[in-house]
Protein backbone atom coordinates (compact mmCIF):
# COMPACT_ATOMS: atom_id res chain seq x y z
CA UNK A 1 0.00 0.00 0.00
CA UNK A 2 1.31 3.41 -0.89
CA UNK A 3 0.16 6.86 0.18
CA UNK A 4 0.72 10.20 -1.49
CA UNK A 5 0.82 13.29 0.70
CA UNK A 6 1.05 16.88 -0.41
CA UNK A 7 2.18 19.77 1.76
CA UNK A 8 -0.49 22.13 3.07
CA UNK A 9 2.12 24.78 3.77
CA UNK A 10 5.70 25.48 4.70
CA UNK A 11 7.45 26.09 8.02
CA UNK A 12 9.83 29.05 8.18
CA UNK A 13 12.58 29.12 10.79
CA UNK A 14 15.92 30.82 11.43
CA UNK A 15 17.71 27.48 10.84
CA UNK A 16 19.31 26.88 7.44
CA UNK A 17 21.70 24.07 8.46
CA UNK A 18 20.87 20.79 10.20
CA UNK A 19 23.50 21.46 12.87
CA UNK A 20 21.69 24.67 13.89
CA UNK A 21 18.37 23.04 14.76
CA UNK A 22 17.51 22.45 18.41
CA UNK A 23 17.25 18.83 19.53
CA UNK A 24 13.53 19.15 20.32
CA UNK A 25 10.87 21.85 20.19
CA UNK A 26 10.58 21.78 23.99
CA UNK A 27 14.22 22.91 24.17
CA UNK A 28 13.76 25.73 21.68
CA UNK A 29 12.67 29.31 22.15
CA UNK A 30 13.23 30.11 18.49
CA UNK A 31 10.50 31.98 16.69
CA UNK A 32 9.16 30.86 13.34
CA UNK A 33 6.17 31.01 11.04
CA UNK A 34 3.86 28.43 9.59
CA UNK A 35 2.66 29.56 6.19
CA UNK A 36 -0.49 27.68 5.23
CA UNK A 37 -1.24 27.65 1.52
CA UNK A 38 -4.27 29.81 0.59
CA UNK A 39 -6.45 26.88 -0.47
CA UNK A 40 -6.35 25.63 3.16
CA UNK A 41 -7.09 29.01 4.78
CA UNK A 42 -10.63 28.04 5.81
CA UNK A 43 -9.17 25.17 7.86
CA UNK A 44 -7.46 27.68 10.17
CA UNK A 45 -10.79 28.84 11.60
CA UNK A 46 -10.63 28.69 15.44
CA UNK A 47 -6.91 27.84 15.53
CA UNK A 48 -6.09 31.21 17.12
CA UNK A 49 -7.89 30.08 20.29
CA UNK A 50 -5.19 27.44 20.90
CA UNK A 51 -2.02 27.96 22.90
CA UNK A 52 -0.14 24.99 21.40
CA UNK A 53 -0.37 23.00 18.18
CA UNK A 54 1.17 19.85 16.75
CA UNK A 55 2.99 20.28 13.46
CA UNK A 56 3.45 17.22 11.26
CA UNK A 57 6.03 17.71 8.55
CA UNK A 58 8.52 16.05 6.23
CA UNK A 59 12.20 15.68 7.11
CA UNK A 60 12.92 16.88 3.57
CA UNK A 61 16.71 17.00 3.99
CA UNK A 62 17.09 13.54 5.54
CA UNK A 63 18.32 10.72 3.35
CA UNK A 64 18.02 7.01 3.96
CA UNK A 65 17.73 5.37 7.35
CA UNK A 66 19.19 2.71 9.62
CA UNK A 67 17.20 0.62 12.04
CA UNK A 68 19.92 1.18 14.68
CA UNK A 69 20.96 4.77 15.36
CA UNK A 70 22.88 6.77 17.95
CA UNK A 71 20.44 9.34 19.40
CA UNK A 72 21.65 12.89 19.93
CA UNK A 73 21.59 12.55 23.74
CA UNK A 74 23.22 9.11 24.04
CA UNK A 75 26.38 7.30 23.04
CA UNK A 76 24.89 3.86 22.35
CA UNK A 77 23.13 2.43 19.33
CA UNK A 78 19.37 2.23 19.84
CA UNK A 79 16.47 0.93 17.81
CA UNK A 80 15.26 3.67 15.48
CA UNK A 81 11.67 3.48 16.70
CA UNK A 82 12.73 4.13 20.31
CA UNK A 83 14.25 7.45 19.22
CA UNK A 84 13.28 10.69 17.52
CA UNK A 85 16.10 10.41 15.00
CA UNK A 86 15.15 12.27 11.78
CA UNK A 87 16.29 9.64 9.22
CA UNK A 88 13.31 7.27 9.05
CA UNK A 89 11.59 4.92 6.58
CA UNK A 90 8.81 7.53 6.32
CA UNK A 91 10.52 10.85 7.06
CA UNK A 92 7.65 12.33 9.08
CA UNK A 93 8.42 14.76 11.89
CA UNK A 94 6.28 15.93 14.79
CA UNK A 95 6.69 19.00 16.98
CA UNK A 96 4.56 20.70 19.61
CA UNK A 97 4.96 24.48 19.35
CA UNK A 98 3.40 27.47 21.07
CA UNK A 99 1.02 29.44 18.87
CA UNK A 100 1.82 33.11 19.40
CA UNK A 101 -0.47 34.72 16.81
CA UNK A 102 -2.37 34.16 13.61
CA UNK A 103 -2.12 36.60 10.73
CA UNK A 104 -4.48 35.40 7.99
CA UNK A 105 -2.72 32.29 6.58
CA UNK A 106 0.46 32.71 8.67
CA UNK A 107 0.88 31.38 12.20
CA UNK A 108 3.61 32.88 14.38
CA UNK A 109 5.09 30.13 16.55
CA UNK A 110 7.62 29.71 19.34
CA UNK A 111 9.69 26.59 19.83
CA UNK A 112 10.44 25.88 16.19
CA UNK A 113 13.02 23.11 15.76
CA UNK A 114 13.05 22.46 12.00
CA UNK A 115 14.92 23.71 8.97
CA UNK A 116 13.65 26.73 7.09
CA UNK A 117 11.43 25.63 4.22
CA UNK A 118 10.23 22.40 5.85
CA UNK A 119 7.09 21.09 4.09
CA UNK A 120 4.07 21.06 6.41
CA UNK A 121 1.75 18.02 6.20
CA UNK A 122 -0.80 18.82 8.90
CA UNK A 123 -1.68 20.88 11.98
CA UNK A 124 -3.50 19.39 14.95
CA UNK A 125 -4.54 21.00 18.24
CA UNK A 126 -2.62 20.14 21.40
CA UNK A 127 -5.27 19.26 24.00
CA UNK A 128 -4.10 18.47 27.56
CA UNK A 129 -7.16 16.31 28.24
CA UNK A 130 -6.11 14.01 25.39
CA UNK A 131 -2.38 14.57 24.96
CA UNK A 132 -0.94 14.60 28.50
CA UNK A 133 -0.15 11.16 29.84
CA UNK A 134 1.51 10.19 33.12
CA UNK A 135 4.91 8.81 32.14
CA UNK A 136 6.05 5.76 34.07
CA UNK A 137 9.15 4.89 32.05
CA UNK A 138 11.29 6.41 29.30
CA UNK A 139 13.45 3.42 28.37
CA UNK A 140 17.04 4.05 27.37
CA UNK A 141 16.67 7.80 27.95
CA UNK A 142 16.36 7.41 31.73
CA UNK A 143 19.34 5.04 31.97
CA UNK A 144 21.72 6.80 29.53
CA UNK A 145 25.07 8.10 30.73
CA UNK A 146 24.82 11.83 31.30
CA UNK A 147 28.48 12.72 30.88
């Protein structure tokens, strides 16, 4: 089975090189913009009432993948699916960012952690009632060496 996805917009950020991007959105205070293409403008109704949104996007500068990778915050090889490593079989990224303002088809965001020009696949609302879960274990991350 194959799926075809088309961007609904583009994410603008101050980062033009992979090495510049923060490890995760939660560790970023960088400002950016989400430019939604005009044909999707109507879908932004009510979004300005949200404080945080999920951005789903394409890791458009990642090539290939390995099923064992060394995460950015560890020095051991780990299974790809236990990490947030950007090189994946389906190069889909996910970030939670703070929505600062909406200006027509442009969303001003804080916490951007992607390269400038990243293709946007979807926007979803962050809802604490549905998206906050009590964490009881974090696998390799909680046992990694913190040197």
